[in-house]
Protein backbone atom coordinates (compact mmCIF):
# COMPACT_ATOMS: atom_id res chain seq x y z
CA MET A 1 7.77 -149.30 -18.62
CA LYS A 2 5.72 -146.80 -20.43
CA VAL A 3 3.54 -144.52 -19.74
CA LEU A 4 1.08 -142.85 -21.42
CA PHE A 5 -0.27 -140.09 -20.12
CA THR A 6 -3.72 -137.75 -21.60
CA MET A 7 -3.23 -135.28 -19.89
CA ASN A 8 -0.52 -132.85 -19.64
CA TYR A 9 1.03 -131.95 -15.98
CA GLY A 10 3.99 -129.90 -17.50
CA GLU A 11 7.68 -131.24 -18.80
CA ASP A 12 8.94 -130.33 -14.71
CA LYS A 13 5.72 -133.47 -13.53
CA PHE A 14 6.81 -135.39 -16.91
CA GLN A 15 10.19 -135.39 -15.25
CA LYS A 16 9.31 -136.15 -12.11
CA ILE A 17 8.27 -139.72 -13.92
CA ARG A 18 11.14 -140.35 -15.83
CA ASP A 19 12.99 -139.73 -12.61
CA LEU A 20 11.00 -143.08 -10.98
CA GLY A 21 12.31 -144.78 -14.12
CA TYR A 22 9.48 -144.26 -16.75
CA GLU A 23 9.66 -143.85 -19.99
CA VAL A 24 6.31 -140.82 -20.57
CA THR A 25 4.62 -140.27 -23.51
CA TYR A 26 1.93 -137.92 -23.50
CA TYR A 27 -1.20 -137.19 -25.98
CA HIS A 28 -4.29 -135.06 -25.82
CA GLU A 29 -7.04 -136.89 -24.22
CA ASN A 30 -9.90 -135.06 -26.98
CA LYS A 31 -6.65 -136.26 -29.90
CA VAL A 32 -4.92 -139.52 -28.65
CA SER A 33 -5.73 -142.57 -30.97
CA ASN A 34 -4.30 -145.44 -31.34
CA ASN A 35 -0.46 -145.92 -32.78
CA ASP A 36 2.40 -147.92 -32.56
CA ASP A 37 3.63 -145.51 -29.63
CA THR A 38 0.10 -145.45 -27.60
CA ASP A 39 -0.05 -149.35 -28.02
CA ASP A 40 3.60 -150.43 -26.52
CA SER A 41 2.23 -148.53 -23.27
CA ASP A 42 2.12 -150.44 -19.83
CA ILE A 43 0.05 -148.00 -18.32
CA LEU A 44 -2.52 -145.14 -19.32
CA VAL A 45 -2.82 -142.02 -16.96
CA THR A 46 -5.92 -140.75 -17.54
CA TYR A 47 -9.80 -139.33 -17.28
CA ASN A 48 -11.62 -140.49 -20.48
CA PRO A 49 -10.08 -140.76 -24.07
CA PHE A 50 -12.04 -144.15 -24.53
CA ASN A 51 -14.12 -142.63 -27.72
CA THR A 52 -11.09 -142.85 -29.72
CA LEU A 53 -8.66 -144.93 -27.69
CA ASP A 54 -9.26 -148.48 -28.18
CA ILE A 55 -7.90 -150.40 -25.17
CA SER A 56 -8.14 -153.66 -26.69
CA LYS A 57 -5.47 -152.86 -29.27
CA MET A 58 -3.10 -152.40 -26.00
CA SER A 59 -1.62 -155.77 -25.73
CA LYS A 60 0.55 -154.54 -23.16
CA LEU A 61 -1.49 -152.65 -20.95
CA LYS A 62 -1.18 -153.57 -17.00
CA TYR A 63 -2.62 -150.84 -15.40
CA ILE A 64 -5.04 -147.98 -16.02
CA GLN A 65 -4.83 -144.88 -13.56
CA THR A 66 -7.84 -142.51 -14.16
CA THR A 67 -8.42 -139.31 -12.72
CA SER A 68 -11.37 -139.83 -11.94
CA VAL A 69 -13.61 -141.12 -9.04
CA GLY A 70 -15.90 -143.11 -11.37
CA VAL A 71 -15.02 -145.42 -13.96
CA ASP A 72 -18.42 -145.61 -15.59
CA GLN A 73 -15.96 -144.17 -18.74
CA ILE A 74 -14.05 -147.24 -18.88
CA PRO A 75 -15.40 -149.46 -21.49
CA LYS A 76 -15.69 -153.23 -19.23
CA GLU A 77 -16.12 -155.34 -22.19
CA LYS A 78 -12.60 -154.64 -23.73
CA LEU A 79 -11.24 -155.52 -20.35
CA LEU A 80 -13.10 -158.93 -20.09
CA GLY A 81 -10.35 -161.82 -19.28
CA LYS A 82 -7.50 -159.44 -18.78
CA ASP A 83 -5.26 -158.63 -15.76
CA ILE A 84 -4.96 -155.37 -16.10
CA LEU A 85 -5.33 -153.18 -12.88
CA ILE A 86 -8.27 -150.33 -12.55
CA ALA A 87 -7.05 -147.35 -9.61
CA ASN A 88 -9.01 -144.58 -9.04
CA ASN A 89 -9.06 -140.60 -7.99
CA LYS A 90 -10.99 -141.52 -4.28
CA GLY A 91 -10.66 -138.92 -2.36
CA GLY A 92 -9.18 -136.36 -4.97
CA TYR A 93 -12.00 -134.53 -5.02
CA SER A 94 -13.41 -134.74 -1.31
CA VAL A 95 -12.15 -131.31 -0.21
CA PRO A 96 -14.17 -129.08 -2.95
CA ILE A 97 -16.84 -131.46 -2.71
CA SER A 98 -16.83 -130.75 0.68
CA GLU A 99 -16.61 -127.58 0.54
CA TRP A 100 -20.10 -127.51 -1.83
CA ILE A 101 -21.56 -129.15 0.35
CA VAL A 102 -21.59 -126.67 3.50
CA MET A 103 -22.07 -123.47 1.11
CA TYR A 104 -25.34 -125.05 0.00
CA ILE A 105 -26.46 -126.05 3.47
CA LEU A 106 -25.87 -122.45 4.73
CA GLN A 107 -27.60 -121.33 1.72
CA ILE A 108 -30.76 -122.96 2.13
CA TYR A 109 -30.62 -121.99 5.96
CA LYS A 110 -28.92 -118.19 5.05
CA ASN A 111 -32.17 -117.77 2.66
CA SER A 112 -29.07 -115.96 0.66
CA LYS A 113 -30.58 -117.24 -2.71
CA LYS A 114 -33.25 -114.36 -2.22
CA PHE A 115 -31.10 -111.89 -1.23
CA TYR A 116 -29.33 -112.33 -4.97
CA GLU A 117 -32.58 -112.22 -6.44
CA GLN A 118 -33.95 -108.59 -4.55
CA GLN A 119 -29.83 -107.54 -5.18
CA GLN A 120 -30.65 -107.77 -8.73
CA ASN A 121 -34.01 -106.19 -8.66
CA LYS A 122 -32.16 -103.40 -5.97
CA LYS A 123 -34.99 -104.14 -3.70
CA TRP A 124 -34.55 -103.62 0.08
CA LYS A 125 -36.84 -105.97 2.01
CA MET A 126 -35.34 -107.81 5.28
CA ASN A 127 -35.98 -111.55 5.73
CA PHE A 128 -36.67 -113.08 9.50
CA GLU A 129 -37.06 -116.86 7.88
CA MET A 130 -32.95 -117.32 8.97
CA THR A 131 -31.82 -120.44 10.34
CA GLU A 132 -28.97 -121.55 12.32
CA MET A 133 -27.69 -124.80 11.33
CA THR A 134 -26.50 -125.02 14.84
CA GLY A 135 -27.86 -127.89 17.12
CA LYS A 136 -28.96 -130.00 13.82
CA LYS A 137 -28.72 -133.30 12.75
CA ILE A 138 -26.90 -134.07 9.33
CA GLY A 139 -26.69 -137.49 7.84
CA PHE A 140 -24.72 -139.16 5.27
CA ILE A 141 -25.55 -141.60 3.06
CA GLY A 142 -22.47 -142.87 2.72
CA THR A 143 -19.25 -142.28 4.90
CA GLY A 144 -16.29 -142.33 2.43
CA THR A 145 -14.41 -139.61 1.63
CA ILE A 146 -16.35 -137.02 0.59
CA ALA A 147 -19.12 -137.44 3.95
CA THR A 148 -15.98 -137.67 6.32
CA GLN A 149 -14.36 -134.08 4.73
CA GLY A 150 -17.68 -133.06 4.73
CA ALA A 151 -18.41 -133.88 8.29
CA LYS A 152 -14.93 -132.97 9.38
CA ARG A 153 -16.46 -129.48 8.06
CA LEU A 154 -19.34 -129.15 9.40
CA LYS A 155 -18.44 -129.84 12.92
CA ALA A 156 -17.47 -126.30 13.44
CA PHE A 157 -21.06 -125.39 13.50
CA GLY A 158 -21.89 -127.51 16.64
CA VAL A 159 -24.03 -129.58 14.48
CA GLU A 160 -24.39 -133.38 14.90
CA ILE A 161 -23.35 -135.89 12.30
CA TRP A 162 -24.93 -139.31 11.80
CA GLY A 163 -23.25 -142.07 8.99
CA VAL A 164 -25.08 -144.91 6.96
CA ASN A 165 -22.45 -147.41 5.80
CA THR A 166 -22.29 -151.18 5.10
CA ASN A 167 -23.04 -152.84 8.48
CA GLY A 168 -23.01 -149.04 11.06
CA SER A 169 -19.02 -149.31 11.75
CA ASP A 170 -17.91 -146.13 13.85
CA ARG A 171 -15.96 -143.15 11.84
CA GLU A 172 -14.15 -140.10 12.78
CA TYR A 173 -16.29 -137.20 13.03
CA PHE A 174 -19.24 -139.12 12.90
CA ASP A 175 -21.38 -138.71 16.25
CA LYS A 176 -23.98 -141.89 15.12
CA CYS A 177 -23.28 -144.67 12.13
CA PHE A 178 -25.82 -146.81 10.73
CA SER A 179 -26.16 -150.16 8.59
CA THR A 180 -27.43 -149.73 5.29
CA LEU A 181 -30.60 -151.87 6.85
CA GLU A 182 -31.08 -149.25 9.48
CA MET A 183 -30.66 -146.12 7.19
CA ASN A 184 -34.66 -145.12 7.29
CA THR A 185 -33.90 -144.20 11.08
CA VAL A 186 -31.54 -141.44 9.28
CA PHE A 187 -33.96 -139.89 6.83
CA LYS A 188 -37.09 -139.42 9.49
CA GLU A 189 -34.37 -137.85 12.17
CA CYS A 190 -32.18 -135.69 10.24
CA ASP A 191 -33.04 -132.17 9.52
CA VAL A 192 -30.24 -132.31 6.18
CA VAL A 193 -29.72 -135.81 4.24
CA ILE A 194 -26.79 -135.72 1.77
CA CYS A 195 -25.83 -138.27 -0.17
CA THR A 196 -22.64 -139.64 -1.07
CA ILE A 197 -22.36 -143.18 -2.31
CA PRO A 198 -21.64 -144.53 -5.47
CA ALA A 199 -23.70 -146.10 -8.23
CA THR A 200 -23.66 -150.15 -7.85
CA LYS A 201 -25.99 -152.69 -8.34
CA GLU A 202 -27.70 -152.37 -4.39
CA THR A 203 -27.85 -148.40 -4.70
CA ILE A 204 -29.57 -147.60 -8.00
CA GLY A 205 -32.41 -145.91 -7.57
CA ILE A 206 -32.26 -146.70 -3.77
CA ILE A 207 -33.62 -142.82 -3.34
CA ASN A 208 -36.87 -142.19 -3.81
CA LYS A 209 -40.18 -141.76 -2.67
CA ASP A 210 -40.56 -144.38 0.39
CA LYS A 211 -36.92 -142.25 1.84
CA PHE A 212 -38.42 -138.70 0.80
CA ASN A 213 -42.34 -139.75 2.38
CA ILE A 214 -40.27 -139.86 5.84
CA MET A 215 -38.05 -137.37 5.46
CA LYS A 216 -39.33 -133.82 7.88
CA ASP A 217 -41.06 -131.45 6.90
CA LYS A 218 -38.77 -128.42 5.77
CA SER A 219 -36.20 -130.83 5.55
CA VAL A 220 -32.67 -130.08 3.43
CA PHE A 221 -31.43 -132.96 1.18
CA ILE A 222 -28.39 -132.88 -1.27
CA ASN A 223 -27.23 -135.23 -3.53
CA VAL A 224 -23.44 -135.60 -4.93
CA GLY A 225 -23.00 -138.54 -5.20
CA ARG A 226 -24.45 -140.05 -8.19
CA GLY A 227 -27.31 -139.31 -10.11
CA ASN A 228 -28.91 -142.75 -10.71
CA ILE A 229 -29.04 -143.47 -7.25
CA LEU A 230 -31.67 -140.92 -6.68
CA ASN A 231 -35.44 -141.60 -8.62
CA GLU A 232 -36.14 -138.06 -9.65
CA GLU A 233 -39.37 -138.22 -10.64
CA ASP A 234 -40.04 -139.04 -7.07
CA LEU A 235 -38.14 -135.99 -5.83
CA VAL A 236 -40.01 -133.86 -7.78
CA SER A 237 -43.62 -135.37 -7.03
CA CYS A 238 -42.50 -134.69 -2.84
CA ILE A 239 -40.34 -131.32 -3.56
CA ASN A 240 -43.13 -129.03 -1.76
CA LYS A 241 -41.96 -131.00 1.48
CA PHE A 242 -38.56 -129.39 1.82
CA ARG A 243 -36.61 -126.49 3.00
CA GLY A 244 -34.40 -126.45 0.15
CA VAL A 245 -32.50 -129.22 -2.38
CA ALA A 246 -29.47 -129.11 -3.98
CA LEU A 247 -28.38 -131.30 -6.76
CA ASP A 248 -24.69 -131.96 -8.70
CA VAL A 249 -25.43 -135.07 -10.04
CA PHE A 250 -28.11 -136.27 -12.62
CA GLN A 251 -29.63 -139.36 -14.27
CA ASN A 252 -29.02 -137.76 -16.97
CA GLU A 253 -26.51 -134.89 -18.33
CA PRO A 254 -26.19 -132.68 -19.00
CA LEU A 255 -29.84 -132.01 -17.54
CA SER A 256 -32.32 -131.43 -20.09
CA GLU A 257 -34.09 -128.62 -20.81
CA ASP A 258 -37.55 -129.53 -20.06
CA ASN A 259 -36.12 -131.24 -16.69
CA LYS A 260 -38.70 -129.81 -13.74
CA LEU A 261 -36.33 -129.59 -11.81
CA TRP A 262 -34.74 -126.24 -13.06
CA SER A 263 -38.67 -124.91 -12.03
CA PHE A 264 -38.65 -124.81 -8.11
CA ASP A 265 -37.71 -122.00 -6.30
CA ASN A 266 -36.12 -124.48 -3.59
CA VAL A 267 -34.22 -126.04 -5.43
CA THR A 268 -30.40 -125.55 -6.80
CA VAL A 269 -29.26 -127.11 -9.51
CA THR A 270 -25.02 -127.36 -10.24
CA PRO A 271 -23.74 -128.79 -13.36
CA HIS A 272 -21.94 -131.61 -11.74
CA ASN A 273 -19.21 -129.16 -10.88
CA SER A 274 -18.87 -129.44 -7.07
CA TRP A 275 -15.66 -131.49 -7.50
CA VAL A 276 -13.57 -128.42 -9.51
CA SER A 277 -10.81 -126.49 -7.48
CA ASP A 278 -7.47 -124.66 -8.17
CA LYS A 279 -5.19 -127.59 -6.29
CA ASN A 280 -6.72 -130.26 -8.43
CA ASN A 281 -3.89 -130.78 -10.88
CA GLU A 282 -1.96 -130.51 -7.98
CA ARG A 283 -3.75 -133.15 -5.82
CA ASN A 284 -3.68 -135.30 -8.96
CA PHE A 285 -0.32 -135.05 -9.86
CA ASP A 286 0.66 -136.24 -6.35
CA MET A 287 -1.71 -139.58 -6.23
CA ILE A 288 -0.59 -140.06 -9.66
CA TYR A 289 3.18 -140.20 -8.79
CA ASN A 290 2.62 -141.69 -5.24
CA ASN A 291 0.74 -144.27 -7.38
CA LEU A 292 3.68 -145.13 -9.78
CA LYS A 293 6.46 -144.97 -7.51
CA LYS A 294 4.70 -148.11 -5.73
CA TYR A 295 3.74 -149.57 -8.61
CA ILE A 296 7.26 -149.41 -10.19
CA ASN A 297 8.60 -150.93 -6.79
CA LYS A 298 6.06 -154.07 -6.81
CA GLU A 299 4.55 -152.45 -3.40
CA SER A 300 0.33 -152.12 -3.91
CA ILE A 301 -0.64 -149.04 -5.46
CA ASN A 302 -3.92 -147.04 -3.45
CA ASN A 303 -7.56 -146.60 -4.38
CA VAL A 304 -7.53 -150.04 -6.09
CA MET A 305 -11.17 -151.10 -7.52
CA ASP A 306 -13.78 -153.66 -8.89
CA ILE A 307 -14.53 -151.87 -12.03
CA TYR A 308 -17.53 -154.48 -12.60
CA LYS A 309 -19.01 -153.47 -8.42
CA GLY A 310 -17.95 -149.64 -9.13
CA TYR A 311 -16.04 -148.93 -6.15
């Protein structure tokens, strides 16, 4: 079987794939295009080469392994009627994203942005508006791998962790879990609300003014899920009620210069960067290797998804 990689993991790692029984080819993701070599591949390991690589011409393609969690970049229309397995990188970036969550909750509660500004201006001024995390209720909308890793780390701060999932089933590290139908309870009662859910037909636009209006005054809102689950205009209209907001994903990326979210002192904007880590390549390769090993041994691979549902 032939595997086409569009990311270079190095000769030593490629040899490990060959040792499993695969033929390995590599083309840089920004330069790959259809030719006899690429079109003869059985498996594609990639992030987003689809502007130059037409997968409808890859007649032998049986399996696409993405290094991303979301798969919006895959042209679904070119997969219609084809029996092609899709697997994502679920959980691959949960550790760095969970650390990002902890960092920005602390930044908001400890006013670190103000101290940074004071340092830039060489201004010595104490700040007495510091808040502890201890005793706070922190709610995750979604209890998947990102939320689980976040809850695991936040537990050390003496907080109570609530979560929302489809049927309210219990999850490790969560003190309480609520069903989707009970979601408003988390928005009403929690001091911090963190969105980690994927974008689906059911979740697009689900976080709106109805949710913001019932949140506590001086609460904290964080989104690391998908930008289009959030109505940004509604957030802007309610922005003054929040102690702090931290956003890493947006409806349109990159965020336009005229977007109002840039201008609020209580909003932190990061450029879809929470997933970045020096350990990503190693984690990604381990996931790829394990799935390719399972696949060639005709075992069920991990993280198979329904591309049309988005999860």
